[in-house]
Amino acid sequence: MGPMKLYFDIRDIFRAPRLALSGKKIMIMLRGTLIGYAAYWICTAISFTLCGYTLSDMWADYGLYPCLFTVVENAPWYACAVFDLGVLLLIISILDRKSVV
């Protein structure tokens, strides 16, 4: 692959992902992010349930990205521990370097 002609305008925006990462790396990072988000959401849903919220209340109040810190004054320690586990799993899945080739 020879040198690529850059125009330094709007046309180069669509080439940026191709120049920065291959499709394989983008898909691996997407997979890690989705797995981490799923683990985070499950742990957060469990922690909200331990605080006395229902899943429908959690969904109505916080939507796609719930966070326990907004209700932390009412949260018991074990709900905070489950939430922290979800955050840790999200960070580990995003920063996993073994899966990015």
Protein backbone atom coordinates (compact mmCIF):
# COMPACT_ATOMS: atom_id res chain seq x y z
CA MET A 1 0.00 0.00 0.00
CA GLY A 2 1.58 3.22 -1.15
CA PRO A 3 1.29 6.70 0.29
CA MET A 4 -2.22 8.03 0.54
CA LYS A 5 -3.14 11.45 -0.80
CA LEU A 6 -4.68 13.57 1.96
CA TYR A 7 -6.85 16.60 1.24
CA PHE A 8 -7.03 17.97 4.83
CA ASP A 9 -10.76 18.66 4.56
CA ILE A 10 -14.03 16.79 5.09
CA ARG A 11 -12.99 13.97 2.76
CA ASP A 12 -10.24 12.88 5.14
CA ILE A 13 -12.65 12.38 8.05
CA PHE A 14 -13.96 9.20 6.47
CA ARG A 15 -10.42 7.85 5.99
CA ALA A 16 -9.38 8.43 9.61
CA PRO A 17 -10.73 5.14 11.04
CA ARG A 18 -9.16 3.20 8.18
CA LEU A 19 -5.81 4.87 8.77
CA ALA A 20 -5.95 4.53 12.57
CA LEU A 21 -7.31 1.02 13.05
CA SER A 22 -8.14 -2.00 11.03
CA GLY A 23 -11.68 -3.34 10.96
CA LYS A 24 -10.57 -6.31 13.04
CA LYS A 25 -9.32 -4.08 15.88
CA ILE A 26 -12.46 -1.95 15.79
CA MET A 27 -14.66 -5.06 16.08
CA ILE A 28 -12.56 -6.46 18.94
CA MET A 29 -12.81 -3.18 20.86
CA LEU A 30 -16.55 -3.02 20.16
CA ARG A 31 -16.97 -6.54 21.48
CA GLY A 32 -15.02 -5.73 24.66
CA THR A 33 -17.01 -2.55 25.20
CA LEU A 34 -20.35 -4.30 24.74
CA ILE A 35 -19.38 -7.15 27.08
CA GLY A 36 -18.19 -4.66 29.69
CA TYR A 37 -21.34 -2.59 29.35
CA ALA A 38 -23.51 -5.70 29.77
CA ALA A 39 -21.61 -6.68 32.94
CA TYR A 40 -21.85 -3.10 34.24
CA TRP A 41 -25.58 -2.89 33.54
CA ILE A 42 -26.33 -6.24 35.20
CA CYS A 43 -24.33 -5.34 38.32
CA THR A 44 -25.92 -1.90 38.45
CA ALA A 45 -29.40 -3.40 38.11
CA ILE A 46 -28.64 -5.78 40.97
CA SER A 47 -27.34 -2.93 43.12
CA PHE A 48 -30.43 -0.81 42.43
CA THR A 49 -32.60 -3.82 43.30
CA LEU A 50 -30.71 -4.18 46.58
CA CYS A 51 -31.51 -0.50 47.29
CA GLY A 52 -35.22 -1.12 46.80
CA TYR A 53 -35.67 0.19 43.27
CA THR A 54 -37.51 -1.77 40.62
CA LEU A 55 -36.03 -2.22 37.16
CA SER A 56 -38.77 -0.11 35.63
CA ASP A 57 -38.05 2.75 38.06
CA MET A 58 -34.34 2.46 37.30
CA TRP A 59 -35.03 2.54 33.57
CA ALA A 60 -37.42 5.48 33.84
CA ASP A 61 -35.07 7.55 36.00
CA TYR A 62 -31.65 6.73 34.50
CA GLY A 63 -32.14 5.18 31.05
CA LEU A 64 -29.34 3.34 29.28
CA TYR A 65 -26.51 4.27 31.63
CA PRO A 66 -27.64 4.07 35.27
CA CYS A 67 -25.30 5.13 38.06
CA LEU A 68 -25.70 4.26 41.73
CA PHE A 69 -23.79 7.34 42.92
CA THR A 70 -26.87 9.49 42.44
CA VAL A 71 -28.67 7.54 45.20
CA VAL A 72 -25.62 6.69 47.28
CA GLU A 73 -26.98 8.34 50.46
CA ASN A 74 -29.64 5.60 50.62
CA ALA A 75 -27.50 2.74 49.33
CA PRO A 76 -26.26 0.03 51.70
CA TRP A 77 -22.61 -1.02 51.55
CA TYR A 78 -23.30 -4.29 49.74
CA ALA A 79 -25.16 -2.47 46.94
CA CYS A 80 -22.15 -0.17 46.55
CA ALA A 81 -19.86 -3.22 46.44
CA VAL A 82 -21.90 -4.80 43.63
CA PHE A 83 -21.90 -1.50 41.72
CA ASP A 84 -18.12 -1.18 42.18
CA LEU A 85 -17.71 -4.72 40.85
CA GLY A 86 -19.65 -3.73 37.73
CA VAL A 87 -17.47 -0.66 37.20
CA LEU A 88 -14.35 -2.79 37.65
CA LEU A 89 -15.59 -5.34 35.11
CA LEU A 90 -16.33 -2.54 32.63
CA ILE A 91 -12.84 -1.09 33.02
CA ILE A 92 -11.17 -4.49 32.74
CA SER A 93 -13.07 -5.41 29.59
CA ILE A 94 -12.23 -2.11 27.90
CA LEU A 95 -8.57 -2.19 28.88
CA ASP A 96 -7.99 -5.87 28.10
CA ARG A 97 -4.87 -5.83 25.94
CA LYS A 98 -4.77 -9.57 25.20
CA SER A 99 -7.72 -9.41 22.83
CA VAL A 100 -6.36 -6.57 20.67
CA VAL A 101 -4.03 -8.08 18.09
